[in-house]
Amino acid sequence: MIQSLDRGAEEESMEQVLIQRPRTSEEERVLNWRFDVFELAGYNPVAALALANSPEVDLHVAVGLLTKGCPEDTALRILL
C-alpha cells in the first residue's frame, strides 16, 4: 500500500511517500505453516485450524495418527 504523509504546514512541500509491505510475525508464519501441514495430512480445514491454534498439540503425533489410519474424529478427540 502506498500512502502520502503530510508532515505539517511548515513542511507541506516536503511530502513523503511511504511504501508499506505487509508484515507477518513469526507467530503468524508458524500458525500458517502448522495449518498447511495439518491440512496436507488430511485434516479438514476447520480441524486443521483448531490444531494449528493449539500449541500443545504435537504436529508429528497429529500427522502420525492419520498416517496410521486413525479416523479424523478420533484423532481430534485424542489431540484436543
C-alpha atoms as a PDB file:
ATOM      1  CA  MET A   1       0.000   0.000   0.000  1.00  0.00           C
ATOM      2  CA  ILE A   2       1.330   3.411  -0.922  1.00  0.00           C
ATOM      3  CA  GLN A   3       0.208   6.421   1.015  1.00  0.00           C
ATOM      4  CA  SER A   4       1.272  10.041   1.263  1.00  0.00           C
ATOM      5  CA  LEU A   5       2.108  11.568   4.592  1.00  0.00           C
ATOM      6  CA  ASP A   6       1.871  15.349   5.032  1.00  0.00           C
ATOM      7  CA  ARG A   7       4.293  16.412   7.791  1.00  0.00           C
ATOM      8  CA  GLY A   8       2.512  19.689   8.681  1.00  0.00           C
ATOM      9  CA  ALA A   9       2.081  23.250   7.454  1.00  0.00           C
ATOM     10  CA  GLU A  10       5.775  24.191   7.566  1.00  0.00           C
ATOM     11  CA  GLU A  11       6.762  21.026   5.693  1.00  0.00           C
ATOM     12  CA  GLU A  12       3.961  20.972   3.115  1.00  0.00           C
ATOM     13  CA  SER A  13       6.456  20.995   0.263  1.00  0.00           C
ATOM     14  CA  MET A  14       8.301  18.008   1.715  1.00  0.00           C
ATOM     15  CA  GLU A  15       5.590  15.406   1.339  1.00  0.00           C
ATOM     16  CA  GLN A  16       6.942  11.875   1.808  1.00  0.00           C
ATOM     17  CA  VAL A  17       5.769   8.705   0.131  1.00  0.00           C
ATOM     18  CA  LEU A  18       5.800   5.648   2.362  1.00  0.00           C
ATOM     19  CA  ILE A  19       5.755   2.158   0.976  1.00  0.00           C
ATOM     20  CA  GLN A  20       4.386  -0.324   3.445  1.00  0.00           C
ATOM     21  CA  ARG A  21       4.879  -4.039   2.988  1.00  0.00           C
ATOM     22  CA  PRO A  22       2.602  -6.412   4.803  1.00  0.00           C
ATOM     23  CA  ARG A  23       4.389  -7.710   7.866  1.00  0.00           C
ATOM     24  CA  THR A  24       3.870 -11.191   9.133  1.00  0.00           C
ATOM     25  CA  SER A  25       5.017 -12.030  12.607  1.00  0.00           C
ATOM     26  CA  GLU A  26       6.905 -15.198  13.377  1.00  0.00           C
ATOM     27  CA  GLU A  27       3.861 -16.429  15.289  1.00  0.00           C
ATOM     28  CA  GLU A  28       1.644 -15.944  12.225  1.00  0.00           C
ATOM     29  CA  ARG A  29       4.133 -17.753   9.983  1.00  0.00           C
ATOM     30  CA  VAL A  30       4.256 -20.704  12.381  1.00  0.00           C
ATOM     31  CA  LEU A  31       0.458 -20.804  12.611  1.00  0.00           C
ATOM     32  CA  ASN A  32       0.140 -20.770   8.816  1.00  0.00           C
ATOM     33  CA  TRP A  33       2.781 -23.489   8.452  1.00  0.00           C
ATOM     34  CA  ARG A  34       1.116 -25.715  11.054  1.00  0.00           C
ATOM     35  CA  PHE A  35      -2.272 -25.216   9.371  1.00  0.00           C
ATOM     36  CA  ASP A  36      -0.809 -26.219   5.995  1.00  0.00           C
ATOM     37  CA  VAL A  37       0.837 -29.336   7.443  1.00  0.00           C
ATOM     38  CA  PHE A  38      -2.332 -30.468   9.208  1.00  0.00           C
ATOM     39  CA  GLU A  39      -4.443 -29.862   6.108  1.00  0.00           C
ATOM     40  CA  LEU A  40      -1.990 -31.706   3.852  1.00  0.00           C
ATOM     41  CA  ALA A  41      -2.013 -34.603   6.310  1.00  0.00           C
ATOM     42  CA  GLY A  42      -5.755 -34.960   5.769  1.00  0.00           C
ATOM     43  CA  TYR A  43      -7.466 -32.887   8.435  1.00  0.00           C
ATOM     44  CA  ASN A  44     -10.388 -30.775   7.204  1.00  0.00           C
ATOM     45  CA  PRO A  45      -9.737 -27.000   7.249  1.00  0.00           C
ATOM     46  CA  VAL A  46     -11.692 -26.386  10.470  1.00  0.00           C
ATOM     47  CA  ALA A  47      -9.856 -29.176  12.289  1.00  0.00           C
ATOM     48  CA  ALA A  48      -6.515 -28.041  10.825  1.00  0.00           C
ATOM     49  CA  LEU A  49      -7.112 -24.531  12.155  1.00  0.00           C
ATOM     50  CA  ALA A  50      -8.064 -25.824  15.607  1.00  0.00           C
ATOM     51  CA  LEU A  51      -4.926 -27.974  15.730  1.00  0.00           C
ATOM     52  CA  ALA A  52      -2.702 -25.181  14.400  1.00  0.00           C
ATOM     53  CA  ASN A  53      -4.014 -22.851  17.116  1.00  0.00           C
ATOM     54  CA  SER A  54      -3.245 -25.383  19.842  1.00  0.00           C
ATOM     55  CA  PRO A  55       0.498 -25.195  20.545  1.00  0.00           C
ATOM     56  CA  GLU A  56       0.227 -28.131  22.957  1.00  0.00           C
ATOM     57  CA  VAL A  57      -0.693 -30.414  20.032  1.00  0.00           C
ATOM     58  CA  ASP A  58       2.404 -32.216  18.779  1.00  0.00           C
ATOM     59  CA  LEU A  59       2.403 -31.868  14.997  1.00  0.00           C
ATOM     60  CA  HIS A  60       4.195 -35.173  14.428  1.00  0.00           C
ATOM     61  CA  VAL A  61       1.794 -37.083  16.656  1.00  0.00           C
ATOM     62  CA  ALA A  62      -1.218 -35.497  14.927  1.00  0.00           C
ATOM     63  CA  VAL A  63       0.062 -36.337  11.457  1.00  0.00           C
ATOM     64  CA  GLY A  64       1.095 -39.815  12.585  1.00  0.00           C
ATOM     65  CA  LEU A  65      -2.384 -40.635  13.820  1.00  0.00           C
ATOM     66  CA  LEU A  66      -3.900 -40.084  10.375  1.00  0.00           C
ATOM     67  CA  THR A  67      -0.981 -41.764   8.628  1.00  0.00           C
ATOM     68  CA  LYS A  68      -1.581 -44.885  10.701  1.00  0.00           C
ATOM     69  CA  GLY A  69      -5.266 -44.945   9.766  1.00  0.00           C
ATOM     70  CA  CYS A  70      -6.854 -43.280  12.760  1.00  0.00           C
ATOM     71  CA  PRO A  71     -10.163 -41.636  11.782  1.00  0.00           C
ATOM     72  CA  GLU A  72     -10.050 -37.848  11.927  1.00  0.00           C
ATOM     73  CA  ASP A  73     -12.761 -37.513  14.578  1.00  0.00           C
ATOM     74  CA  THR A  74     -10.956 -39.996  16.841  1.00  0.00           C
ATOM     75  CA  ALA A  75      -7.634 -38.235  16.286  1.00  0.00           C
ATOM     76  CA  LEU A  76      -9.209 -34.915  17.252  1.00  0.00           C
ATOM     77  CA  ARG A  77     -10.650 -36.384  20.463  1.00  0.00           C
ATOM     78  CA  ILE A  78      -7.198 -37.707  21.340  1.00  0.00           C
ATOM     79  CA  LEU A  79      -5.370 -34.489  20.487  1.00  0.00           C
ATOM     80  CA  LEU A  80      -7.782 -31.874  21.778  1.00  0.00           C
END
